Amino acid sequence: MSTGVLLKVSLSDFYSVKAAAAEIGIDTMTLYQRIHRGTVAVERPSERMILIHKDEVARLKIEQGDVAC
């Protein structure tokens, strides 16, 4: 059954874990730990792929800035 709502999502709206960590300014393993704890929202299009939306990366950058102050 279709809801009639079409969502347009592009891969350009997402970061890989490595790219997101670099953008945020944290270590990749730190980001993986946060993902594992459930404190970072991710999309898993397949078992081995983890994508982080650009809005989530922006939220994490702000949060990281608050910690650094």
PDB file of N, CA and C in Angstrom:
ATOM      1  N   MET A   1       0.839  -1.179   0.000  1.00  0.00           N
ATOM      2  CA  MET A   1       0.000   0.000   0.000  1.00  0.00           C
ATOM      3  C   MET A   1       0.880   1.236   0.000  1.00  0.00           C
ATOM      4  N   SER A   2       0.632   2.138  -0.906  1.00  0.00           N
ATOM      5  CA  SER A   2       1.420   3.357  -1.025  1.00  0.00           C
ATOM      6  C   SER A   2       0.749   4.486  -0.260  1.00  0.00           C
ATOM      7  N   THR A   3       1.572   5.309   0.382  1.00  0.00           N
ATOM      8  CA  THR A   3       1.041   6.450   1.124  1.00  0.00           C
ATOM      9  C   THR A   3       0.891   7.669   0.237  1.00  0.00           C
ATOM     10  N   GLY A   4       1.444   7.609  -0.972  1.00  0.00           N
ATOM     11  CA  GLY A   4       1.377   8.754  -1.866  1.00  0.00           C
ATOM     12  C   GLY A   4       2.450   9.784  -1.580  1.00  0.00           C
ATOM     13  N   VAL A   5       3.339   9.504  -0.648  1.00  0.00           N
ATOM     14  CA  VAL A   5       4.408  10.426  -0.308  1.00  0.00           C
ATOM     15  C   VAL A   5       5.688   9.942  -0.967  1.00  0.00           C
ATOM     16  N   LEU A   6       6.313  10.836  -1.700  1.00  0.00           N
ATOM     17  CA  LEU A   6       7.559  10.495  -2.371  1.00  0.00           C
ATOM     18  C   LEU A   6       8.694  11.249  -1.681  1.00  0.00           C
ATOM     19  N   LEU A   7       9.636  10.515  -1.154  1.00  0.00           N
ATOM     20  CA  LEU A   7      10.784  11.126  -0.515  1.00  0.00           C
ATOM     21  C   LEU A   7      11.958  11.087  -1.477  1.00  0.00           C
ATOM     22  N   LYS A   8      12.593  12.228  -1.662  1.00  0.00           N
ATOM     23  CA  LYS A   8      13.740  12.283  -2.549  1.00  0.00           C
ATOM     24  C   LYS A   8      14.996  12.336  -1.686  1.00  0.00           C
ATOM     25  N   VAL A   9      15.746  11.263  -1.703  1.00  0.00           N
ATOM     26  CA  VAL A   9      16.965  11.161  -0.921  1.00  0.00           C
ATOM     27  C   VAL A   9      18.106  10.858  -1.873  1.00  0.00           C
ATOM     28  N   SER A  10      19.182  11.566  -1.697  1.00  0.00           N
ATOM     29  CA  SER A  10      20.347  11.376  -2.546  1.00  0.00           C
ATOM     30  C   SER A  10      21.530  10.962  -1.692  1.00  0.00           C
ATOM     31  N   LEU A  11      22.407  10.172  -2.249  1.00  0.00           N
ATOM     32  CA  LEU A  11      23.615   9.792  -1.516  1.00  0.00           C
ATOM     33  C   LEU A  11      24.462  11.002  -1.177  1.00  0.00           C
ATOM     34  N   SER A  12      24.314  12.092  -1.924  1.00  0.00           N
ATOM     35  CA  SER A  12      25.076  13.303  -1.620  1.00  0.00           C
ATOM     36  C   SER A  12      24.595  13.956  -0.322  1.00  0.00           C
ATOM     37  N   ASP A  13      23.468  13.483   0.217  1.00  0.00           N
ATOM     38  CA  ASP A  13      22.961  13.983   1.496  1.00  0.00           C
ATOM     39  C   ASP A  13      23.583  13.253   2.683  1.00  0.00           C
ATOM     40  N   PHE A  14      24.478  12.312   2.409  1.00  0.00           N
ATOM     41  CA  PHE A  14      25.045  11.473   3.454  1.00  0.00           C
ATOM     42  C   PHE A  14      26.567  11.476   3.425  1.00  0.00           C
ATOM     43  N   TYR A  15      27.144  11.191   4.584  1.00  0.00           N
ATOM     44  CA  TYR A  15      28.586  11.016   4.731  1.00  0.00           C
ATOM     45  C   TYR A  15      28.860   9.560   5.091  1.00  0.00           C
ATOM     46  N   SER A  16      30.020   9.072   4.695  1.00  0.00           N
ATOM     47  CA  SER A  16      30.514   7.810   5.239  1.00  0.00           C
ATOM     48  C   SER A  16      30.979   8.099   6.665  1.00  0.00           C
ATOM     49  N   VAL A  17      31.220   7.061   7.434  1.00  0.00           N
ATOM     50  CA  VAL A  17      31.691   7.268   8.814  1.00  0.00           C
ATOM     51  C   VAL A  17      33.040   7.996   8.801  1.00  0.00           C
ATOM     52  N   LYS A  18      33.923   7.591   7.917  1.00  0.00           N
ATOM     53  CA  LYS A  18      35.250   8.219   7.844  1.00  0.00           C
ATOM     54  C   LYS A  18      35.137   9.700   7.475  1.00  0.00           C
ATOM     55  N   ALA A  19      34.329  10.019   6.477  1.00  0.00           N
ATOM     56  CA  ALA A  19      34.158  11.405   6.050  1.00  0.00           C
ATOM     57  C   ALA A  19      33.461  12.238   7.125  1.00  0.00           C
ATOM     58  N   ALA A  20      32.474  11.642   7.795  1.00  0.00           N
ATOM     59  CA  ALA A  20      31.761  12.352   8.860  1.00  0.00           C
ATOM     60  C   ALA A  20      32.704  12.661  10.018  1.00  0.00           C
ATOM     61  N   ALA A  21      33.523  11.694  10.398  1.00  0.00           N
ATOM     62  CA  ALA A  21      34.475  11.910  11.498  1.00  0.00           C
ATOM     63  C   ALA A  21      35.435  13.039  11.156  1.00  0.00           C
ATOM     64  N   ALA A  22      35.921  13.064   9.922  1.00  0.00           N
ATOM     65  CA  ALA A  22      36.832  14.127   9.493  1.00  0.00           C
ATOM     66  C   ALA A  22      36.122  15.477   9.521  1.00  0.00           C
ATOM     67  N   GLU A  23      34.889  15.528   9.071  1.00  0.00           N
ATOM     68  CA  GLU A  23      34.117  16.772   9.051  1.00  0.00           C
ATOM     69  C   GLU A  23      33.852  17.288  10.471  1.00  0.00           C
ATOM     70  N   ILE A  24      33.565  16.369  11.374  1.00  0.00           N
ATOM     71  CA  ILE A  24      33.263  16.733  12.767  1.00  0.00           C
ATOM     72  C   ILE A  24      34.539  17.092  13.527  1.00  0.00           C
ATOM     73  N   GLY A  25      35.638  16.436  13.146  1.00  0.00           N
ATOM     74  CA  GLY A  25      36.910  16.675  13.823  1.00  0.00           C
ATOM     75  C   GLY A  25      37.164  15.703  14.957  1.00  0.00           C
ATOM     76  N   ILE A  26      36.663  14.470  14.800  1.00  0.00           N
ATOM     77  CA  ILE A  26      36.893  13.436  15.803  1.00  0.00           C
ATOM     78  C   ILE A  26      37.482  12.200  15.131  1.00  0.00           C
ATOM     79  N   ASP A  27      38.005  11.306  15.925  1.00  0.00           N
ATOM     80  CA  ASP A  27      38.574  10.064  15.424  1.00  0.00           C
ATOM     81  C   ASP A  27      37.465   9.149  14.909  1.00  0.00           C
ATOM     82  N   THR A  28      37.769   8.410  13.862  1.00  0.00           N
ATOM     83  CA  THR A  28      36.796   7.488  13.278  1.00  0.00           C
ATOM     84  C   THR A  28      36.299   6.466  14.300  1.00  0.00           C
ATOM     85  N   MET A  29      37.209   5.935  15.111  1.00  0.00           N
ATOM     86  CA  MET A  29      36.806   4.938  16.113  1.00  0.00           C
ATOM     87  C   MET A  29      35.879   5.555  17.161  1.00  0.00           C
ATOM     88  N   THR A  30      36.092   6.809  17.501  1.00  0.00           N
ATOM     89  CA  THR A  30      35.202   7.501  18.442  1.00  0.00           C
ATOM     90  C   THR A  30      33.790   7.568  17.868  1.00  0.00           C
ATOM     91  N   LEU A  31      33.695   7.880  16.582  1.00  0.00           N
ATOM     92  CA  LEU A  31      32.380   7.951  15.943  1.00  0.00           C
ATOM     93  C   LEU A  31      31.728   6.574  15.892  1.00  0.00           C
ATOM     94  N   TYR A  32      32.506   5.537  15.574  1.00  0.00           N
ATOM     95  CA  TYR A  32      31.954   4.177  15.586  1.00  0.00           C
ATOM     96  C   TYR A  32      31.431   3.804  16.980  1.00  0.00           C
ATOM     97  N   GLN A  33      32.144   4.207  18.026  1.00  0.00           N
ATOM     98  CA  GLN A  33      31.693   3.916  19.389  1.00  0.00           C
ATOM     99  C   GLN A  33      30.368   4.613  19.680  1.00  0.00           C
ATOM    100  N   ARG A  34      30.251   5.864  19.254  1.00  0.00           N
ATOM    101  CA  ARG A  34      28.999   6.603  19.475  1.00  0.00           C
ATOM    102  C   ARG A  34      27.843   5.982  18.689  1.00  0.00           C
ATOM    103  N   ILE A  35      28.128   5.506  17.482  1.00  0.00           N
ATOM    104  CA  ILE A  35      27.102   4.826  16.687  1.00  0.00           C
ATOM    105  C   ILE A  35      26.657   3.562  17.415  1.00  0.00           C
ATOM    106  N   HIS A  36      27.625   2.800  17.913  1.00  0.00           N
ATOM    107  CA  HIS A  36      27.320   1.561  18.631  1.00  0.00           C
ATOM    108  C   HIS A  36      26.482   1.834  19.887  1.00  0.00           C
ATOM    109  N   ARG A  37      26.765   2.942  20.590  1.00  0.00           N
ATOM    110  CA  ARG A  37      25.994   3.308  21.789  1.00  0.00           C
ATOM    111  C   ARG A  37      24.607   3.838  21.448  1.00  0.00           C
ATOM    112  N   GLY A  38      24.410   4.207  20.187  1.00  0.00           N
ATOM    113  CA  GLY A  38      23.104   4.713  19.776  1.00  0.00           C
ATOM    114  C   GLY A  38      22.943   6.211  19.927  1.00  0.00           C
ATOM    115  N   THR A  39      24.035   6.934  20.109  1.00  0.00           N
ATOM    116  CA  THR A  39      23.948   8.383  20.284  1.00  0.00           C
ATOM    117  C   THR A  39      24.087   9.147  18.969  1.00  0.00           C
ATOM    118  N   VAL A  40      24.281   8.421  17.874  1.00  0.00           N
ATOM    119  CA  VAL A  40      24.362   9.020  16.543  1.00  0.00           C
ATOM    120  C   VAL A  40      23.364   8.302  15.638  1.00  0.00           C
ATOM    121  N   ALA A  41      22.515   9.080  14.982  1.00  0.00           N
ATOM    122  CA  ALA A  41      21.525   8.514  14.062  1.00  0.00           C
ATOM    123  C   ALA A  41      22.207   8.159  12.748  1.00  0.00           C
ATOM    124  N   VAL A  42      21.998   6.929  12.294  1.00  0.00           N
ATOM    125  CA  VAL A  42      22.607   6.469  11.047  1.00  0.00           C
ATOM    126  C   VAL A  42      21.576   5.755  10.194  1.00  0.00           C
ATOM    127  N   GLU A  43      21.911   5.610   8.932  1.00  0.00           N
ATOM    128  CA  GLU A  43      21.146   4.788   8.001  1.00  0.00           C
ATOM    129  C   GLU A  43      22.028   3.608   7.634  1.00  0.00           C
ATOM    130  N   ARG A  44      21.431   2.432   7.551  1.00  0.00           N
ATOM    131  CA  ARG A  44      22.167   1.232   7.172  1.00  0.00           C
ATOM    132  C   ARG A  44      21.487   0.608   5.953  1.00  0.00           C
ATOM    133  N   PRO A  45      21.865   1.086   4.744  1.00  0.00           N
ATOM    134  CA  PRO A  45      21.240   0.533   3.539  1.00  0.00           C
ATOM    135  C   PRO A  45      21.606  -0.931   3.286  1.00  0.00           C
ATOM    136  N   SER A  46      22.701  -1.379   3.876  1.00  0.00           N
ATOM    137  CA  SER A  46      23.077  -2.780   3.800  1.00  0.00           C
ATOM    138  C   SER A  46      23.788  -3.147   5.097  1.00  0.00           C
ATOM    139  N   GLU A  47      24.066  -4.419   5.264  1.00  0.00           N
ATOM    140  CA  GLU A  47      24.684  -4.898   6.498  1.00  0.00           C
ATOM    141  C   GLU A  47      26.041  -4.249   6.767  1.00  0.00           C
ATOM    142  N   ARG A  48      26.781  -3.960   5.712  1.00  0.00           N
ATOM    143  CA  ARG A  48      28.147  -3.454   5.876  1.00  0.00           C
ATOM    144  C   ARG A  48      28.291  -1.958   5.624  1.00  0.00           C
ATOM    145  N   MET A  49      27.206  -1.277   5.300  1.00  0.00           N
ATOM    146  CA  MET A  49      27.288   0.139   4.969  1.00  0.00           C
ATOM    147  C   MET A  49      26.594   0.984   6.025  1.00  0.00           C
ATOM    148  N   ILE A  50      27.288   1.989   6.499  1.00  0.00           N
ATOM    149  CA  ILE A  50      26.729   2.927   7.463  1.00  0.00           C
ATOM    150  C   ILE A  50      26.837   4.322   6.861  1.00  0.00           C
ATOM    151  N   LEU A  51      25.725   5.030   6.803  1.00  0.00           N
ATOM    152  CA  LEU A  51      25.689   6.387   6.285  1.00  0.00           C
ATOM    153  C   LEU A  51      25.133   7.324   7.353  1.00  0.00           C
ATOM    154  N   ILE A  52      25.678   8.527   7.400  1.00  0.00           N
ATOM    155  CA  ILE A  52      25.238   9.523   8.370  1.00  0.00           C
ATOM    156  C   ILE A  52      24.748  10.739   7.589  1.00  0.00           C
ATOM    157  N   HIS A  53      23.508  11.140   7.838  1.00  0.00           N
ATOM    158  CA  HIS A  53      22.907  12.257   7.111  1.00  0.00           C
ATOM    159  C   HIS A  53      23.648  13.549   7.439  1.00  0.00           C
ATOM    160  N   LYS A  54      23.702  14.447   6.472  1.00  0.00           N
ATOM    161  CA  LYS A  54      24.423  15.705   6.659  1.00  0.00           C
ATOM    162  C   LYS A  54      23.845  16.532   7.811  1.00  0.00           C
ATOM    163  N   ASP A  55      22.547  16.422   8.070  1.00  0.00           N
ATOM    164  CA  ASP A  55      21.949  17.142   9.202  1.00  0.00           C
ATOM    165  C   ASP A  55      22.459  16.591  10.531  1.00  0.00           C
ATOM    166  N   GLU A  56      22.665  15.289  10.600  1.00  0.00           N
ATOM    167  CA  GLU A  56      23.209  14.668  11.812  1.00  0.00           C
ATOM    168  C   GLU A  56      24.665  15.097  12.008  1.00  0.00           C
ATOM    169  N   VAL A  57      25.411  15.171  10.919  1.00  0.00           N
ATOM    170  CA  VAL A  57      26.803  15.633  11.006  1.00  0.00           C
ATOM    171  C   VAL A  57      26.834  17.080  11.494  1.00  0.00           C
ATOM    172  N   ALA A  58      25.926  17.912  10.995  1.00  0.00           N
ATOM    173  CA  ALA A  58      25.861  19.310  11.449  1.00  0.00           C
ATOM    174  C   ALA A  58      25.555  19.369  12.946  1.00  0.00           C
ATOM    175  N   ARG A  59      24.636  18.530  13.414  1.00  0.00           N
ATOM    176  CA  ARG A  59      24.310  18.484  14.844  1.00  0.00           C
ATOM    177  C   ARG A  59      25.533  18.082  15.661  1.00  0.00           C
ATOM    178  N   LEU A  60      26.251  17.095  15.182  1.00  0.00           N
ATOM    179  CA  LEU A  60      27.427  16.617  15.903  1.00  0.00           C
ATOM    180  C   LEU A  60      28.542  17.664  15.908  1.00  0.00           C
ATOM    181  N   LYS A  61      28.672  18.437  14.822  1.00  0.00           N
ATOM    182  CA  LYS A  61      29.674  19.500  14.783  1.00  0.00           C
ATOM    183  C   LYS A  61      29.366  20.572  15.827  1.00  0.00           C
ATOM    184  N   ILE A  62      28.096  20.911  15.958  1.00  0.00           N
ATOM    185  CA  ILE A  62      27.692  21.889  16.963  1.00  0.00           C
ATOM    186  C   ILE A  62      27.978  21.345  18.353  1.00  0.00           C
ATOM    187  N   GLU A  63      27.615  20.089  18.573  1.00  0.00           N
ATOM    188  CA  GLU A  63      27.851  19.441  19.855  1.00  0.00           C
ATOM    189  C   GLU A  63      29.352  19.389  20.172  1.00  0.00           C
ATOM    190  N   GLN A  64      30.149  19.064  19.187  1.00  0.00           N
ATOM    191  CA  GLN A  64      31.602  19.002  19.373  1.00  0.00           C
ATOM    192  C   GLN A  64      32.155  20.390  19.722  1.00  0.00           C
ATOM    193  N   GLY A  65      31.593  21.420  19.103  1.00  0.00           N
ATOM    194  CA  GLY A  65      32.006  22.793  19.402  1.00  0.00           C
ATOM    195  C   GLY A  65      31.683  23.170  20.830  1.00  0.00           C
ATOM    196  N   ASP A  66      30.520  22.693  21.338  1.00  0.00           N
ATOM    197  CA  ASP A  66      30.137  22.968  22.712  1.00  0.00           C
ATOM    198  C   ASP A  66      31.091  22.300  23.687  1.00  0.00           C
ATOM    199  N   VAL A  67      31.559  21.107  23.364  1.00  0.00           N
ATOM    200  CA  VAL A  67      32.477  20.382  24.227  1.00  0.00           C
ATOM    201  C   VAL A  67      33.828  21.086  24.269  1.00  0.00           C
ATOM    202  N   ALA A  68      34.262  21.635  23.126  1.00  0.00           N
ATOM    203  CA  ALA A  68      35.571  22.257  23.032  1.00  0.00           C
ATOM    204  C   ALA A  68      35.642  23.578  23.792  1.00  0.00           C
ATOM    205  N   CYS A  69      34.509  24.214  24.028  1.00  0.00           N
ATOM    206  CA  CYS A  69      34.493  25.512  24.703  1.00  0.00           C
ATOM    207  C   CYS A  69      34.767  25.406  26.180  1.00  0.00           C
TER     208      CYS A  69
END
